[in-house]
């Protein structure tokens, strides 16, 4: 499973440097997570991007 950034993203960029696999990039309207790359930081103790998001807009993708 992967994480997903919702359209509530304010494009602050806090999540991008936290991703150890560089799966997060700036999209047209807000940041995006490549679902083929994201591992939910299972080896890191959980999604690091979620921890730093100031608006809680990062959720598990369905």
Protein backbone atom coordinates (compact mmCIF):
# COMPACT_ATOMS: atom_id res chain seq x y z
CA UNK A 1 0.00 0.00 0.00
CA UNK A 2 1.09 3.60 -0.50
CA UNK A 3 0.33 7.00 0.94
CA UNK A 4 -1.60 9.69 -0.95
CA UNK A 5 -1.69 13.48 -0.64
CA UNK A 6 -5.21 14.90 -0.78
CA UNK A 7 -6.29 18.14 -2.41
CA UNK A 8 -6.17 19.80 1.01
CA UNK A 9 -2.40 20.11 0.50
CA UNK A 10 -1.13 23.69 0.92
CA UNK A 11 2.07 22.95 -1.07
CA UNK A 12 4.34 23.83 1.84
CA UNK A 13 6.90 21.22 0.77
CA UNK A 14 7.55 19.87 4.27
CA UNK A 15 6.93 16.29 3.17
CA UNK A 16 9.25 16.14 0.16
CA UNK A 17 12.63 16.04 1.98
CA UNK A 18 11.27 13.57 4.56
CA UNK A 19 10.73 10.79 2.02
CA UNK A 20 13.73 8.45 2.15
CA UNK A 21 12.89 7.04 -1.30
CA UNK A 22 12.22 10.39 -3.03
CA UNK A 23 8.65 9.39 -3.91
CA UNK A 24 7.19 12.86 -3.30
CA UNK A 25 7.29 15.57 -5.94
CA UNK A 26 5.59 18.87 -6.64
CA UNK A 27 2.58 18.46 -8.90
CA UNK A 28 0.57 21.06 -10.82
CA UNK A 29 -1.70 21.96 -7.89
CA UNK A 30 -0.14 20.22 -4.89
CA UNK A 31 2.52 17.68 -3.96
CA UNK A 32 2.07 14.08 -5.12
CA UNK A 33 3.33 10.67 -4.00
CA UNK A 34 4.33 8.06 -6.59
CA UNK A 35 2.31 4.99 -5.49
CA UNK A 36 4.72 2.64 -7.25
CA UNK A 37 7.58 3.96 -5.16
CA UNK A 38 6.00 4.54 -1.72
CA UNK A 39 6.43 1.82 0.90
CA UNK A 40 4.81 3.77 3.78
CA UNK A 41 8.32 3.88 5.29
CA UNK A 42 7.86 0.40 6.74
CA UNK A 43 11.58 0.23 7.48
CA UNK A 44 11.49 3.70 9.03
CA UNK A 45 8.81 3.05 11.66
CA UNK A 46 5.92 4.50 9.66
CA UNK A 47 5.18 7.22 7.13
CA UNK A 48 7.59 10.07 7.81
CA UNK A 49 5.66 12.45 5.55
CA UNK A 50 2.56 12.15 7.74
CA UNK A 51 4.54 13.20 10.80
CA UNK A 52 5.60 16.54 9.28
CA UNK A 53 2.44 17.53 7.38
CA UNK A 54 0.98 20.65 9.02
CA UNK A 55 -2.52 20.14 7.58
CA UNK A 56 -2.84 16.34 7.92
CA UNK A 57 -3.55 15.83 4.21
CA UNK A 58 -1.56 12.59 3.74
CA UNK A 59 -3.63 9.41 3.93
CA UNK A 60 -3.36 5.75 2.93
CA UNK A 61 -4.19 5.29 -0.75
CA UNK A 62 -7.05 2.96 -1.56
